[in-house]
């Protein structure tokens, strides 16, 4: 459990899911009802809190989907209820929502993934590829391709494995980064009316020096369900919020835009705030908290 909350948590979570942690927890549910409240609480929290936090990563959702299929084949009886099955309901619901987002984003031919071996021309759905069990980053269409590619992949694979062992955080993959954007887009569409009311309230604020450019929306996925807040830009770098130095130019541009930044959103978000066409969207993230600013 501790490893999941440290650097490279997504990799550890994926390994745990692939190893059958979901089935193990649910199969132990009858015994946990007779165990201490502490043990029961820890297992429940693992399902409804810790694992849920990592469902913003496409790679984790991929493993979770396989875990769900394994659990379904076991035909376990959750009729007795209890904290484990209550936590399972929360986890299962969120996984199903993220699987639906993943399917929508993977329908186009552009989302079909090629085998990791350079000379292999195979292209298939990402979920059908086999993941390297060492680095957990590379994918192959079959074990033969993985074996043939080992001489090329060995160096980077061993480097990534060492990073995992040393607790050095690896870069987020392009697939995971894109999936995070899809999740945030969905959240914005589903909460569009509330966010629009907030923008309207900011526009009519009695403080004329305050414009929507002075704020960012924060999507905090360390909370289950997600916590959506509005944060003054000034507070992002005062030590009270997550911060990343290379956000400075973008945030400064927003502050100097006199209300033209971070005010309306269109394009892929289907006119949630219905204004100008084709803005450039920036999604900023640190840990499991994501901020966005839109440049019009």
C-alpha atoms as a PDB file:
ATOM      1  CA  UNK A   1       0.000   0.000   0.000  1.00  0.00           C
ATOM      2  CA  UNK A   2       2.848   2.381   0.815  1.00  0.00           C
ATOM      3  CA  UNK A   3       4.436   1.777  -2.583  1.00  0.00           C
ATOM      4  CA  UNK A   4       1.257   2.847  -4.335  1.00  0.00           C
ATOM      5  CA  UNK A   5       1.419   6.271  -2.718  1.00  0.00           C
ATOM      6  CA  UNK A   6       5.078   6.885  -3.582  1.00  0.00           C
ATOM      7  CA  UNK A   7       6.856   7.816  -6.820  1.00  0.00           C
ATOM      8  CA  UNK A   8       5.765   5.790  -9.842  1.00  0.00           C
ATOM      9  CA  UNK A   9       2.579   4.831  -8.057  1.00  0.00           C
ATOM     10  CA  UNK A  10       0.795   4.132 -11.372  1.00  0.00           C
ATOM     11  CA  UNK A  11       3.339   1.428 -12.229  1.00  0.00           C
ATOM     12  CA  UNK A  12       2.985  -0.235  -8.829  1.00  0.00           C
ATOM     13  CA  UNK A  13      -0.807  -0.051  -9.033  1.00  0.00           C
ATOM     14  CA  UNK A  14      -0.809  -1.593 -12.512  1.00  0.00           C
ATOM     15  CA  UNK A  15       1.389  -4.428 -11.285  1.00  0.00           C
ATOM     16  CA  UNK A  16      -0.900  -5.029  -8.305  1.00  0.00           C
ATOM     17  CA  UNK A  17      -3.995  -5.102 -10.493  1.00  0.00           C
ATOM     18  CA  UNK A  18      -2.345  -7.428 -12.999  1.00  0.00           C
ATOM     19  CA  UNK A  19      -1.340  -9.730 -10.138  1.00  0.00           C
ATOM     20  CA  UNK A  20      -4.975 -10.096  -9.019  1.00  0.00           C
ATOM     21  CA  UNK A  21      -5.282  -7.771  -6.030  1.00  0.00           C
ATOM     22  CA  UNK A  22      -8.988  -7.112  -6.715  1.00  0.00           C
ATOM     23  CA  UNK A  23      -9.940 -10.781  -6.598  1.00  0.00           C
ATOM     24  CA  UNK A  24      -7.772 -11.299  -3.506  1.00  0.00           C
ATOM     25  CA  UNK A  25      -9.486  -8.486  -1.599  1.00  0.00           C
ATOM     26  CA  UNK A  26     -13.000  -9.620  -2.496  1.00  0.00           C
ATOM     27  CA  UNK A  27     -12.269 -13.265  -1.739  1.00  0.00           C
ATOM     28  CA  UNK A  28     -11.040 -12.211   1.700  1.00  0.00           C
ATOM     29  CA  UNK A  29     -14.188 -10.155   2.419  1.00  0.00           C
ATOM     30  CA  UNK A  30     -15.920 -12.872   4.533  1.00  0.00           C
ATOM     31  CA  UNK A  31     -12.845 -13.206   6.760  1.00  0.00           C
ATOM     32  CA  UNK A  32     -12.450  -9.446   7.058  1.00  0.00           C
ATOM     33  CA  UNK A  33     -15.931  -9.169   8.573  1.00  0.00           C
ATOM     34  CA  UNK A  34     -14.517 -11.153  11.496  1.00  0.00           C
ATOM     35  CA  UNK A  35     -11.244  -9.234  11.560  1.00  0.00           C
ATOM     36  CA  UNK A  36     -10.363  -6.010  13.354  1.00  0.00           C
ATOM     37  CA  UNK A  37     -11.918  -2.748  12.206  1.00  0.00           C
ATOM     38  CA  UNK A  38      -8.433  -1.507  11.336  1.00  0.00           C
ATOM     39  CA  UNK A  39      -7.769  -4.322   8.855  1.00  0.00           C
ATOM     40  CA  UNK A  40     -11.213  -3.990   7.328  1.00  0.00           C
ATOM     41  CA  UNK A  41     -10.821  -0.227   7.048  1.00  0.00           C
ATOM     42  CA  UNK A  42      -7.438  -0.527   5.340  1.00  0.00           C
ATOM     43  CA  UNK A  43      -8.735  -2.916   2.688  1.00  0.00           C
ATOM     44  CA  UNK A  44     -11.836  -0.807   2.131  1.00  0.00           C
ATOM     45  CA  UNK A  45      -9.730   2.330   1.760  1.00  0.00           C
ATOM     46  CA  UNK A  46      -7.477   0.557  -0.713  1.00  0.00           C
ATOM     47  CA  UNK A  47     -10.464  -0.043  -2.987  1.00  0.00           C
ATOM     48  CA  UNK A  48     -12.515   3.110  -2.562  1.00  0.00           C
ATOM     49  CA  UNK A  49      -9.703   5.623  -2.106  1.00  0.00           C
ATOM     50  CA  UNK A  50      -6.140   4.659  -3.035  1.00  0.00           C
ATOM     51  CA  UNK A  51      -6.832   2.621  -6.170  1.00  0.00           C
ATOM     52  CA  UNK A  52      -9.488   5.095  -7.312  1.00  0.00           C
ATOM     53  CA  UNK A  53      -6.960   7.941  -7.269  1.00  0.00           C
ATOM     54  CA  UNK A  54      -4.936   6.211  -9.977  1.00  0.00           C
ATOM     55  CA  UNK A  55      -7.837   5.753 -12.367  1.00  0.00           C
ATOM     56  CA  UNK A  56      -6.799   8.972 -14.109  1.00  0.00           C
ATOM     57  CA  UNK A  57      -4.075   6.953 -15.850  1.00  0.00           C
ATOM     58  CA  UNK A  58      -4.989   5.048 -19.008  1.00  0.00           C
ATOM     59  CA  UNK A  59      -2.460   2.337 -18.182  1.00  0.00           C
ATOM     60  CA  UNK A  60      -4.095   1.761 -14.781  1.00  0.00           C
ATOM     61  CA  UNK A  61      -7.619   1.704 -16.245  1.00  0.00           C
ATOM     62  CA  UNK A  62      -6.393  -0.914 -18.717  1.00  0.00           C
ATOM     63  CA  UNK A  63      -5.241  -3.141 -15.843  1.00  0.00           C
ATOM     64  CA  UNK A  64      -8.363  -2.405 -13.794  1.00  0.00           C
ATOM     65  CA  UNK A  65     -10.598  -3.478 -16.685  1.00  0.00           C
ATOM     66  CA  UNK A  66      -8.802  -6.811 -16.851  1.00  0.00           C
ATOM     67  CA  UNK A  67      -9.134  -7.130 -13.076  1.00  0.00           C
ATOM     68  CA  UNK A  68     -12.887  -6.564 -13.316  1.00  0.00           C
ATOM     69  CA  UNK A  69     -13.211  -9.328 -15.884  1.00  0.00           C
ATOM     70  CA  UNK A  70     -11.318 -11.722 -13.598  1.00  0.00           C
ATOM     71  CA  UNK A  71     -13.627 -10.883 -10.693  1.00  0.00           C
ATOM     72  CA  UNK A  72     -16.719 -11.431 -12.847  1.00  0.00           C
ATOM     73  CA  UNK A  73     -15.523 -14.933 -13.724  1.00  0.00           C
ATOM     74  CA  UNK A  74     -15.236 -15.790 -10.022  1.00  0.00           C
ATOM     75  CA  UNK A  75     -18.976 -15.133  -9.497  1.00  0.00           C
ATOM     76  CA  UNK A  76     -18.411 -14.012  -5.909  1.00  0.00           C
ATOM     77  CA  UNK A  77     -21.399 -13.450  -3.632  1.00  0.00           C
ATOM     78  CA  UNK A  78     -21.513  -9.923  -2.289  1.00  0.00           C
ATOM     79  CA  UNK A  79     -24.964 -10.391  -0.805  1.00  0.00           C
ATOM     80  CA  UNK A  80     -23.686 -10.143   2.761  1.00  0.00           C
ATOM     81  CA  UNK A  81     -22.568  -6.583   2.115  1.00  0.00           C
ATOM     82  CA  UNK A  82     -20.083  -5.067   4.529  1.00  0.00           C
ATOM     83  CA  UNK A  83     -17.461  -2.332   4.088  1.00  0.00           C
ATOM     84  CA  UNK A  84     -15.439  -4.259   1.491  1.00  0.00           C
ATOM     85  CA  UNK A  85     -18.377  -4.663  -0.865  1.00  0.00           C
ATOM     86  CA  UNK A  86     -19.451  -1.065  -0.287  1.00  0.00           C
ATOM     87  CA  UNK A  87     -15.937   0.053  -1.244  1.00  0.00           C
ATOM     88  CA  UNK A  88     -16.026  -2.312  -4.217  1.00  0.00           C
ATOM     89  CA  UNK A  89     -19.213  -0.632  -5.490  1.00  0.00           C
ATOM     90  CA  UNK A  90     -17.450   2.761  -5.440  1.00  0.00           C
ATOM     91  CA  UNK A  91     -14.394   1.391  -7.237  1.00  0.00           C
ATOM     92  CA  UNK A  92     -16.417  -0.564  -9.797  1.00  0.00           C
ATOM     93  CA  UNK A  93     -18.574   2.455 -10.655  1.00  0.00           C
ATOM     94  CA  UNK A  94     -15.564   4.712 -11.202  1.00  0.00           C
ATOM     95  CA  UNK A  95     -13.733   2.080 -13.263  1.00  0.00           C
ATOM     96  CA  UNK A  96     -16.797   1.675 -15.480  1.00  0.00           C
ATOM     97  CA  UNK A  97     -16.955   5.443 -16.025  1.00  0.00           C
ATOM     98  CA  UNK A  98     -13.273   5.624 -16.950  1.00  0.00           C
ATOM     99  CA  UNK A  99     -13.533   2.577 -19.233  1.00  0.00           C
ATOM    100  CA  UNK A 100     -16.340   4.355 -21.099  1.00  0.00           C
ATOM    101  CA  UNK A 101     -14.130   7.445 -21.532  1.00  0.00           C
ATOM    102  CA  UNK A 102     -11.253   5.255 -22.666  1.00  0.00           C
ATOM    103  CA  UNK A 103     -13.424   3.509 -25.256  1.00  0.00           C
ATOM    104  CA  UNK A 104     -14.653   6.811 -26.678  1.00  0.00           C
ATOM    105  CA  UNK A 105     -11.108   8.125 -26.981  1.00  0.00           C
ATOM    106  CA  UNK A 106      -9.850   4.895 -28.571  1.00  0.00           C
ATOM    107  CA  UNK A 107     -12.387   4.517 -31.368  1.00  0.00           C
ATOM    108  CA  UNK A 108     -10.423   6.372 -34.027  1.00  0.00           C
ATOM    109  CA  UNK A 109      -7.713   4.760 -36.143  1.00  0.00           C
ATOM    110  CA  UNK A 110      -5.274   7.287 -34.652  1.00  0.00           C
ATOM    111  CA  UNK A 111      -5.591   5.539 -31.302  1.00  0.00           C
ATOM    112  CA  UNK A 112      -4.531   2.165 -32.655  1.00  0.00           C
ATOM    113  CA  UNK A 113      -1.082   1.343 -31.311  1.00  0.00           C
ATOM    114  CA  UNK A 114       1.825  -0.207 -33.103  1.00  0.00           C
ATOM    115  CA  UNK A 115       3.943  -3.013 -31.707  1.00  0.00           C
ATOM    116  CA  UNK A 116       7.045  -1.785 -29.891  1.00  0.00           C
ATOM    117  CA  UNK A 117       9.364  -3.687 -32.231  1.00  0.00           C
ATOM    118  CA  UNK A 118      10.595  -1.299 -34.889  1.00  0.00           C
ATOM    119  CA  UNK A 119      10.297  -3.723 -37.821  1.00  0.00           C
ATOM    120  CA  UNK A 120       6.849  -5.038 -36.889  1.00  0.00           C
ATOM    121  CA  UNK A 121       4.029  -3.531 -38.942  1.00  0.00           C
ATOM    122  CA  UNK A 122       1.233  -4.796 -36.704  1.00  0.00           C
ATOM    123  CA  UNK A 123      -1.218  -2.217 -35.418  1.00  0.00           C
ATOM    124  CA  UNK A 124      -3.975  -3.116 -33.008  1.00  0.00           C
ATOM    125  CA  UNK A 125      -6.094  -1.888 -30.147  1.00  0.00           C
ATOM    126  CA  UNK A 126      -3.993  -0.893 -27.161  1.00  0.00           C
ATOM    127  CA  UNK A 127      -5.767  -3.337 -24.845  1.00  0.00           C
ATOM    128  CA  UNK A 128      -4.789  -6.287 -27.029  1.00  0.00           C
ATOM    129  CA  UNK A 129      -1.047  -5.605 -26.786  1.00  0.00           C
ATOM    130  CA  UNK A 130       1.172  -7.343 -24.231  1.00  0.00           C
ATOM    131  CA  UNK A 131       3.000  -5.098 -21.763  1.00  0.00           C
ATOM    132  CA  UNK A 132       6.659  -5.578 -20.907  1.00  0.00           C
ATOM    133  CA  UNK A 133       6.733  -6.956 -17.369  1.00  0.00           C
ATOM    134  CA  UNK A 134      10.028  -5.219 -16.619  1.00  0.00           C
ATOM    135  CA  UNK A 135       9.573  -1.526 -17.389  1.00  0.00           C
ATOM    136  CA  UNK A 136       5.767  -1.634 -17.729  1.00  0.00           C
ATOM    137  CA  UNK A 137       6.072   1.005 -20.462  1.00  0.00           C
ATOM    138  CA  UNK A 138       6.613  -0.836 -23.758  1.00  0.00           C
ATOM    139  CA  UNK A 139       3.995  -2.940 -25.555  1.00  0.00           C
ATOM    140  CA  UNK A 140       4.249  -5.779 -28.073  1.00  0.00           C
ATOM    141  CA  UNK A 141       1.800  -7.696 -30.220  1.00  0.00           C
ATOM    142  CA  UNK A 142       3.222 -11.048 -29.025  1.00  0.00           C
ATOM    143  CA  UNK A 143       6.053 -12.599 -27.009  1.00  0.00           C
ATOM    144  CA  UNK A 144       8.069 -13.372 -30.126  1.00  0.00           C
ATOM    145  CA  UNK A 145       8.220  -9.690 -31.043  1.00  0.00           C
ATOM    146  CA  UNK A 146       9.250  -8.868 -27.490  1.00  0.00           C
ATOM    147  CA  UNK A 147      12.057 -11.443 -27.645  1.00  0.00           C
ATOM    148  CA  UNK A 148      13.287 -10.131 -31.007  1.00  0.00           C
ATOM    149  CA  UNK A 149      13.262  -6.534 -29.740  1.00  0.00           C
ATOM    150  CA  UNK A 150      15.112  -7.256 -26.495  1.00  0.00           C
ATOM    151  CA  UNK A 151      18.531  -6.179 -27.786  1.00  0.00           C
ATOM    152  CA  UNK A 152      17.105  -2.738 -28.615  1.00  0.00           C
ATOM    153  CA  UNK A 153      14.829  -2.450 -25.599  1.00  0.00           C
ATOM    154  CA  UNK A 154      17.184  -3.864 -22.960  1.00  0.00           C
ATOM    155  CA  UNK A 155      18.987  -0.636 -22.068  1.00  0.00           C
ATOM    156  CA  UNK A 156      15.888   1.543 -21.614  1.00  0.00           C
ATOM    157  CA  UNK A 157      14.026  -1.293 -19.886  1.00  0.00           C
ATOM    158  CA  UNK A 158      16.742  -1.787 -17.286  1.00  0.00           C
ATOM    159  CA  UNK A 159      17.003   1.972 -16.757  1.00  0.00           C
ATOM    160  CA  UNK A 160      13.259   2.247 -16.094  1.00  0.00           C
ATOM    161  CA  UNK A 161      13.355  -0.765 -13.778  1.00  0.00           C
ATOM    162  CA  UNK A 162      16.139   0.875 -11.777  1.00  0.00           C
ATOM    163  CA  UNK A 163      14.132   4.094 -11.570  1.00  0.00           C
ATOM    164  CA  UNK A 164      11.210   2.116 -10.160  1.00  0.00           C
ATOM    165  CA  UNK A 165      13.435   0.470  -7.556  1.00  0.00           C
ATOM    166  CA  UNK A 166      15.065   3.775  -6.601  1.00  0.00           C
ATOM    167  CA  UNK A 167      11.770   5.637  -6.358  1.00  0.00           C
ATOM    168  CA  UNK A 168      12.678   8.037  -9.164  1.00  0.00           C
ATOM    169  CA  UNK A 169       9.546   9.288 -10.873  1.00  0.00           C
ATOM    170  CA  UNK A 170       9.306   8.462 -14.573  1.00  0.00           C
ATOM    171  CA  UNK A 171       7.738  10.857 -17.074  1.00  0.00           C
ATOM    172  CA  UNK A 172       4.030  10.475 -17.680  1.00  0.00           C
ATOM    173  CA  UNK A 173       3.401   8.728 -20.998  1.00  0.00           C
ATOM    174  CA  UNK A 174       1.724  10.522 -23.940  1.00  0.00           C
ATOM    175  CA  UNK A 175      -1.165   8.027 -23.735  1.00  0.00           C
ATOM    176  CA  UNK A 176      -1.724   8.770 -20.036  1.00  0.00           C
ATOM    177  CA  UNK A 177      -1.407  12.510 -20.630  1.00  0.00           C
ATOM    178  CA  UNK A 178      -4.018  12.402 -23.393  1.00  0.00           C
ATOM    179  CA  UNK A 179      -6.365  10.306 -21.262  1.00  0.00           C
ATOM    180  CA  UNK A 180      -6.156  12.802 -18.411  1.00  0.00           C
ATOM    181  CA  UNK A 181      -7.286  15.469 -20.861  1.00  0.00           C
ATOM    182  CA  UNK A 182     -10.235  13.304 -21.909  1.00  0.00           C
ATOM    183  CA  UNK A 183     -11.283  12.845 -18.274  1.00  0.00           C
ATOM    184  CA  UNK A 184     -11.118  16.571 -17.583  1.00  0.00           C
ATOM    185  CA  UNK A 185     -13.099  17.270 -20.760  1.00  0.00           C
ATOM    186  CA  UNK A 186     -15.784  14.889 -19.523  1.00  0.00           C
ATOM    187  CA  UNK A 187     -15.837  16.509 -16.073  1.00  0.00           C
ATOM    188  CA  UNK A 188     -16.272  19.940 -17.653  1.00  0.00           C
ATOM    189  CA  UNK A 189     -19.123  18.763 -19.866  1.00  0.00           C
ATOM    190  CA  UNK A 190     -20.888  17.043 -16.972  1.00  0.00           C
ATOM    191  CA  UNK A 191     -20.484  20.083 -14.710  1.00  0.00           C
ATOM    192  CA  UNK A 192     -20.927  22.668 -17.450  1.00  0.00           C
ATOM    193  CA  UNK A 193     -23.924  24.464 -15.948  1.00  0.00           C
ATOM    194  CA  UNK A 194     -22.267  24.846 -12.544  1.00  0.00           C
ATOM    195  CA  UNK A 195     -19.042  26.135 -14.078  1.00  0.00           C
ATOM    196  CA  UNK A 196     -20.954  28.528 -16.315  1.00  0.00           C
ATOM    197  CA  UNK A 197     -22.749  29.956 -13.268  1.00  0.00           C
ATOM    198  CA  UNK A 198     -19.384  30.427 -11.608  1.00  0.00           C
ATOM    199  CA  UNK A 199     -17.989  32.300 -14.607  1.00  0.00           C
ATOM    200  CA  UNK A 200     -21.115  34.492 -14.652  1.00  0.00           C
ATOM    201  CA  UNK A 201     -20.675  35.217 -10.948  1.00  0.00           C
ATOM    202  CA  UNK A 202     -17.053  36.218 -11.515  1.00  0.00           C
ATOM    203  CA  UNK A 203     -18.066  38.497 -14.386  1.00  0.00           C
ATOM    204  CA  UNK A 204     -20.576  40.294 -12.149  1.00  0.00           C
ATOM    205  CA  UNK A 205     -18.237  40.512  -9.157  1.00  0.00           C
ATOM    206  CA  UNK A 206     -18.323  43.865  -7.309  1.00  0.00           C
ATOM    207  CA  UNK A 207     -14.534  43.936  -7.495  1.00  0.00           C
ATOM    208  CA  UNK A 208     -13.747  45.213 -11.019  1.00  0.00           C
ATOM    209  CA  UNK A 209     -10.078  44.311 -10.749  1.00  0.00           C
ATOM    210  CA  UNK A 210     -11.052  40.638 -10.541  1.00  0.00           C
ATOM    211  CA  UNK A 211     -11.501  38.934 -13.918  1.00  0.00           C
ATOM    212  CA  UNK A 212     -11.813  35.224 -14.792  1.00  0.00           C
ATOM    213  CA  UNK A 213      -8.160  35.371 -15.817  1.00  0.00           C
ATOM    214  CA  UNK A 214      -7.287  35.725 -12.143  1.00  0.00           C
ATOM    215  CA  UNK A 215      -8.569  32.213 -11.449  1.00  0.00           C
ATOM    216  CA  UNK A 216      -7.966  28.629 -12.482  1.00  0.00           C
ATOM    217  CA  UNK A 217     -10.109  25.559 -12.017  1.00  0.00           C
ATOM    218  CA  UNK A 218      -8.504  22.793  -9.994  1.00  0.00           C
ATOM    219  CA  UNK A 219      -9.504  19.171 -10.580  1.00  0.00           C
ATOM    220  CA  UNK A 220      -8.164  17.279  -7.569  1.00  0.00           C
ATOM    221  CA  UNK A 221      -8.184  13.538  -8.242  1.00  0.00           C
ATOM    222  CA  UNK A 222      -6.648  12.701  -4.879  1.00  0.00           C
ATOM    223  CA  UNK A 223     -10.250  13.121  -3.693  1.00  0.00           C
ATOM    224  CA  UNK A 224     -12.939  10.538  -4.475  1.00  0.00           C
ATOM    225  CA  UNK A 225     -15.107  11.782  -6.071  1.00  0.00           C
ATOM    226  CA  UNK A 226     -13.043  14.482  -7.750  1.00  0.00           C
ATOM    227  CA  UNK A 227     -12.943  17.856  -6.005  1.00  0.00           C
ATOM    228  CA  UNK A 228     -13.452  20.776  -8.401  1.00  0.00           C
ATOM    229  CA  UNK A 229     -12.429  24.170  -7.034  1.00  0.00           C
ATOM    230  CA  UNK A 230     -11.664  27.655  -8.239  1.00  0.00           C
ATOM    231  CA  UNK A 231      -8.301  28.963  -7.057  1.00  0.00           C
ATOM    232  CA  UNK A 232      -6.921  32.499  -7.407  1.00  0.00           C
ATOM    233  CA  UNK A 233      -3.809  32.377  -9.568  1.00  0.00           C
ATOM    234  CA  UNK A 234      -1.924  34.303  -6.891  1.00  0.00           C
ATOM    235  CA  UNK A 235      -2.339  31.413  -4.457  1.00  0.00           C
ATOM    236  CA  UNK A 236      -0.789  28.853  -6.780  1.00  0.00           C
ATOM    237  CA  UNK A 237       2.758  29.943  -6.002  1.00  0.00           C
ATOM    238  CA  UNK A 238       2.425  30.887  -2.341  1.00  0.00           C
ATOM    239  CA  UNK A 239       3.155  27.389  -1.053  1.00  0.00           C
ATOM    240  CA  UNK A 240      -0.463  26.524  -0.312  1.00  0.00           C
ATOM    241  CA  UNK A 241      -1.192  24.804  -3.623  1.00  0.00           C
ATOM    242  CA  UNK A 242       0.671  22.487  -5.983  1.00  0.00           C
ATOM    243  CA  UNK A 243       3.050  24.474  -8.113  1.00  0.00           C
ATOM    244  CA  UNK A 244       5.357  23.954 -11.017  1.00  0.00           C
ATOM    245  CA  UNK A 245       7.810  26.665 -12.085  1.00  0.00           C
ATOM    246  CA  UNK A 246       7.302  26.246 -15.823  1.00  0.00           C
ATOM    247  CA  UNK A 247       3.650  27.267 -15.422  1.00  0.00           C
ATOM    248  CA  UNK A 248       4.780  30.851 -14.682  1.00  0.00           C
ATOM    249  CA  UNK A 249       4.753  32.211 -18.262  1.00  0.00           C
ATOM    250  CA  UNK A 250       1.272  30.830 -18.946  1.00  0.00           C
ATOM    251  CA  UNK A 251      -0.157  32.134 -15.680  1.00  0.00           C
ATOM    252  CA  UNK A 252       1.439  35.544 -16.200  1.00  0.00           C
ATOM    253  CA  UNK A 253      -0.100  35.682 -19.655  1.00  0.00           C
ATOM    254  CA  UNK A 254      -3.499  34.937 -18.122  1.00  0.00           C
ATOM    255  CA  UNK A 255      -3.116  37.667 -15.509  1.00  0.00           C
ATOM    256  CA  UNK A 256      -2.135  40.227 -18.172  1.00  0.00           C
ATOM    257  CA  UNK A 257      -4.897  39.240 -20.592  1.00  0.00           C
ATOM    258  CA  UNK A 258      -7.575  41.453 -19.011  1.00  0.00           C
ATOM    259  CA  UNK A 259     -10.134  38.671 -18.901  1.00  0.00           C
ATOM    260  CA  UNK A 260      -9.412  37.089 -22.285  1.00  0.00           C
ATOM    261  CA  UNK A 261      -7.807  33.980 -20.818  1.00  0.00           C
ATOM    262  CA  UNK A 262      -9.440  31.192 -18.837  1.00  0.00           C
ATOM    263  CA  UNK A 263     -12.884  32.655 -19.455  1.00  0.00           C
ATOM    264  CA  UNK A 264     -14.606  30.555 -22.092  1.00  0.00           C
ATOM    265  CA  UNK A 265     -14.125  27.081 -23.447  1.00  0.00           C
ATOM    266  CA  UNK A 266     -15.187  25.598 -26.777  1.00  0.00           C
ATOM    267  CA  UNK A 267     -13.741  23.121 -29.280  1.00  0.00           C
ATOM    268  CA  UNK A 268     -13.375  19.624 -27.878  1.00  0.00           C
ATOM    269  CA  UNK A 269     -15.472  20.631 -24.878  1.00  0.00           C
ATOM    270  CA  UNK A 270     -18.522  21.117 -27.095  1.00  0.00           C
ATOM    271  CA  UNK A 271     -19.276  24.768 -26.290  1.00  0.00           C
ATOM    272  CA  UNK A 272     -19.614  24.361 -22.549  1.00  0.00           C
ATOM    273  CA  UNK A 273     -19.333  28.132 -22.237  1.00  0.00           C
ATOM    274  CA  UNK A 274     -20.239  28.677 -25.915  1.00  0.00           C
ATOM    275  CA  UNK A 275     -18.007  31.451 -27.191  1.00  0.00           C
ATOM    276  CA  UNK A 276     -15.172  31.779 -29.686  1.00  0.00           C
ATOM    277  CA  UNK A 277     -13.958  28.896 -31.788  1.00  0.00           C
ATOM    278  CA  UNK A 278     -10.803  26.810 -31.523  1.00  0.00           C
ATOM    279  CA  UNK A 279      -8.987  28.150 -28.457  1.00  0.00           C
ATOM    280  CA  UNK A 280      -5.617  26.780 -27.474  1.00  0.00           C
ATOM    281  CA  UNK A 281      -6.069  24.705 -24.330  1.00  0.00           C
ATOM    282  CA  UNK A 282      -3.415  24.079 -21.701  1.00  0.00           C
ATOM    283  CA  UNK A 283      -3.875  21.379 -19.070  1.00  0.00           C
ATOM    284  CA  UNK A 284      -1.438  21.733 -16.191  1.00  0.00           C
ATOM    285  CA  UNK A 285      -0.826  19.001 -13.685  1.00  0.00           C
ATOM    286  CA  UNK A 286       1.178  18.228 -10.578  1.00  0.00           C
ATOM    287  CA  UNK A 287       0.677  14.994  -8.696  1.00  0.00           C
ATOM    288  CA  UNK A 288      -2.990  14.178  -9.148  1.00  0.00           C
ATOM    289  CA  UNK A 289      -4.196  17.789  -9.260  1.00  0.00           C
ATOM    290  CA  UNK A 290      -4.811  19.304 -12.678  1.00  0.00           C
ATOM    291  CA  UNK A 291      -5.232  22.960 -13.540  1.00  0.00           C
ATOM    292  CA  UNK A 292      -6.337  24.391 -16.842  1.00  0.00           C
ATOM    293  CA  UNK A 293      -6.015  27.761 -18.471  1.00  0.00           C
ATOM    294  CA  UNK A 294      -7.446  28.518 -21.873  1.00  0.00           C
ATOM    295  CA  UNK A 295      -5.899  30.997 -24.265  1.00  0.00           C
ATOM    296  CA  UNK A 296      -8.366  32.650 -26.658  1.00  0.00           C
END
